[in-house]
Amino acid sequence: MHGYDENKDAYLKRLRRVEGQVRGIERMVEDDSYCIDVLTQISAATRALQGVALALLEDHLRHCVADAISHRGADAEEKLQEATEAIKRLVKS
């Protein structure tokens, strides 16, 4: 079971919305829309994806990492390291 199982439908809905935003950006470029308008929409899609990523990270911390730590499992350190690396990637983007 993944940490996001309870919110899977909500994540899929958000990702479909982002997909629609990206298709809209593609149409804007095809239609030669004003550069700043295209960049504004790219920024909005990027923020939407970042929102999904942060929510997934929170679910991972609350479920996978917390579970590993509470059970003092051998994979607790691995889960913490994975979360740390994910945070680093998110901060860089």
C-alpha atoms as a PDB file:
ATOM      1  CA  MET A   1       0.000   0.000   0.000  1.00  0.00           C
ATOM      2  CA  HIS A   2       1.276   3.474  -0.892  1.00  0.00           C
ATOM      3  CA  GLY A   3       0.952   6.538   1.296  1.00  0.00           C
ATOM      4  CA  TYR A   4      -1.210   8.241  -1.307  1.00  0.00           C
ATOM      5  CA  ASP A   5      -3.784   5.444  -1.652  1.00  0.00           C
ATOM      6  CA  GLU A   6      -6.429   7.363   0.306  1.00  0.00           C
ATOM      7  CA  ASN A   7      -5.985  10.432  -1.901  1.00  0.00           C
ATOM      8  CA  LYS A   8      -5.355   8.676  -5.206  1.00  0.00           C
ATOM      9  CA  ASP A   9      -8.536   9.912  -6.888  1.00  0.00           C
ATOM     10  CA  ALA A  10      -7.819  13.497  -5.848  1.00  0.00           C
ATOM     11  CA  TYR A  11      -4.262  13.250  -7.178  1.00  0.00           C
ATOM     12  CA  LEU A  12      -5.468  11.835 -10.467  1.00  0.00           C
ATOM     13  CA  LYS A  13      -8.012  14.646 -10.772  1.00  0.00           C
ATOM     14  CA  ARG A  14      -5.318  17.266 -10.107  1.00  0.00           C
ATOM     15  CA  LEU A  15      -2.949  15.636 -12.604  1.00  0.00           C
ATOM     16  CA  ARG A  16      -5.652  15.555 -15.269  1.00  0.00           C
ATOM     17  CA  ARG A  17      -6.211  19.265 -14.657  1.00  0.00           C
ATOM     18  CA  VAL A  18      -2.479  19.898 -15.149  1.00  0.00           C
ATOM     19  CA  GLU A  19      -2.582  17.803 -18.313  1.00  0.00           C
ATOM     20  CA  GLY A  20      -5.367  20.049 -19.578  1.00  0.00           C
ATOM     21  CA  GLN A  21      -3.311  23.121 -18.727  1.00  0.00           C
ATOM     22  CA  VAL A  22      -0.368  21.763 -20.706  1.00  0.00           C
ATOM     23  CA  ARG A  23      -2.589  21.006 -23.694  1.00  0.00           C
ATOM     24  CA  GLY A  24      -3.891  24.566 -23.446  1.00  0.00           C
ATOM     25  CA  ILE A  25      -0.318  25.879 -23.481  1.00  0.00           C
ATOM     26  CA  GLU A  26       0.383  23.796 -26.562  1.00  0.00           C
ATOM     27  CA  ARG A  27      -2.639  25.351 -28.284  1.00  0.00           C
ATOM     28  CA  MET A  28      -1.460  28.809 -27.260  1.00  0.00           C
ATOM     29  CA  VAL A  29       1.895  28.206 -28.939  1.00  0.00           C
ATOM     30  CA  GLU A  30       0.211  26.766 -32.030  1.00  0.00           C
ATOM     31  CA  ASP A  31      -1.996  29.890 -32.156  1.00  0.00           C
ATOM     32  CA  ASP A  32       1.010  32.216 -31.751  1.00  0.00           C
ATOM     33  CA  SER A  33      -0.250  33.634 -28.455  1.00  0.00           C
ATOM     34  CA  TYR A  34       1.632  36.441 -26.761  1.00  0.00           C
ATOM     35  CA  CYS A  35       4.843  35.208 -25.085  1.00  0.00           C
ATOM     36  CA  ILE A  36       4.002  36.560 -21.646  1.00  0.00           C
ATOM     37  CA  ASP A  37       0.594  34.866 -21.717  1.00  0.00           C
ATOM     38  CA  VAL A  38       2.246  31.531 -22.548  1.00  0.00           C
ATOM     39  CA  LEU A  39       4.824  32.018 -19.791  1.00  0.00           C
ATOM     40  CA  THR A  40       2.071  32.850 -17.310  1.00  0.00           C
ATOM     41  CA  GLN A  41       0.288  29.603 -18.123  1.00  0.00           C
ATOM     42  CA  ILE A  42       3.536  27.620 -17.883  1.00  0.00           C
ATOM     43  CA  SER A  43       4.088  29.130 -14.441  1.00  0.00           C
ATOM     44  CA  ALA A  44       0.576  28.123 -13.381  1.00  0.00           C
ATOM     45  CA  ALA A  45       1.075  24.535 -14.589  1.00  0.00           C
ATOM     46  CA  THR A  46       4.423  24.359 -12.819  1.00  0.00           C
ATOM     47  CA  ARG A  47       2.868  25.547  -9.546  1.00  0.00           C
ATOM     48  CA  ALA A  48       0.085  22.995  -9.927  1.00  0.00           C
ATOM     49  CA  LEU A  49       2.603  20.160 -10.378  1.00  0.00           C
ATOM     50  CA  GLN A  50       4.597  21.419  -7.410  1.00  0.00           C
ATOM     51  CA  GLY A  51       1.409  21.344  -5.352  1.00  0.00           C
ATOM     52  CA  VAL A  52       0.839  17.703  -6.253  1.00  0.00           C
ATOM     53  CA  ALA A  53       4.459  16.894  -5.467  1.00  0.00           C
ATOM     54  CA  LEU A  54       4.279  18.539  -2.046  1.00  0.00           C
ATOM     55  CA  ALA A  55       1.052  16.735  -1.205  1.00  0.00           C
ATOM     56  CA  LEU A  56       2.570  13.399  -2.262  1.00  0.00           C
ATOM     57  CA  LEU A  57       5.642  14.136  -0.176  1.00  0.00           C
ATOM     58  CA  GLU A  58       3.470  14.881   2.837  1.00  0.00           C
ATOM     59  CA  ASP A  59       1.583  11.606   2.355  1.00  0.00           C
ATOM     60  CA  HIS A  60       4.908   9.774   2.065  1.00  0.00           C
ATOM     61  CA  LEU A  61       6.191  11.324   5.290  1.00  0.00           C
ATOM     62  CA  ARG A  62       2.951  10.678   7.185  1.00  0.00           C
ATOM     63  CA  HIS A  63       2.546   7.114   5.985  1.00  0.00           C
ATOM     64  CA  CYS A  64       5.688   5.420   4.694  1.00  0.00           C
ATOM     65  CA  VAL A  65       8.329   7.214   6.756  1.00  0.00           C
ATOM     66  CA  ALA A  66       6.285   7.394   9.960  1.00  0.00           C
ATOM     67  CA  ASP A  67       5.351   3.713   9.654  1.00  0.00           C
ATOM     68  CA  ALA A  68       8.966   2.654   9.159  1.00  0.00           C
ATOM     69  CA  ILE A  69      10.084   4.725  12.144  1.00  0.00           C
ATOM     70  CA  SER A  70       7.284   3.572  14.447  1.00  0.00           C
ATOM     71  CA  HIS A  71       8.075  -0.071  13.700  1.00  0.00           C
ATOM     72  CA  ARG A  72      11.782   0.601  14.100  1.00  0.00           C
ATOM     73  CA  GLY A  73      12.185  -1.177  10.811  1.00  0.00           C
ATOM     74  CA  ALA A  74      15.527  -1.609   9.159  1.00  0.00           C
ATOM     75  CA  ASP A  75      14.276   0.513   6.306  1.00  0.00           C
ATOM     76  CA  ALA A  76      13.578   3.569   8.501  1.00  0.00           C
ATOM     77  CA  GLU A  77      16.897   5.195   7.631  1.00  0.00           C
ATOM     78  CA  GLU A  78      16.359   4.369   3.957  1.00  0.00           C
ATOM     79  CA  LYS A  79      12.900   5.978   4.010  1.00  0.00           C
ATOM     80  CA  LEU A  80      14.312   9.106   5.656  1.00  0.00           C
ATOM     81  CA  GLN A  81      17.082   9.302   3.068  1.00  0.00           C
ATOM     82  CA  GLU A  82      14.574   8.879   0.221  1.00  0.00           C
ATOM     83  CA  ALA A  83      12.452  11.692   1.641  1.00  0.00           C
ATOM     84  CA  THR A  84      15.508  13.913   2.033  1.00  0.00           C
ATOM     85  CA  GLU A  85      16.524  13.310  -1.583  1.00  0.00           C
ATOM     86  CA  ALA A  86      12.985  14.009  -2.782  1.00  0.00           C
ATOM     87  CA  ILE A  87      12.950  17.294  -0.867  1.00  0.00           C
ATOM     88  CA  LYS A  88      16.311  18.237  -2.396  1.00  0.00           C
ATOM     89  CA  ARG A  89      14.939  17.580  -5.891  1.00  0.00           C
ATOM     90  CA  LEU A  90      11.835  19.653  -5.191  1.00  0.00           C
ATOM     91  CA  VAL A  91      13.848  22.557  -3.836  1.00  0.00           C
ATOM     92  CA  LYS A  92      16.078  22.565  -6.932  1.00  0.00           C
ATOM     93  CA  SER A  93      13.134  22.675  -9.308  1.00  0.00           C
END
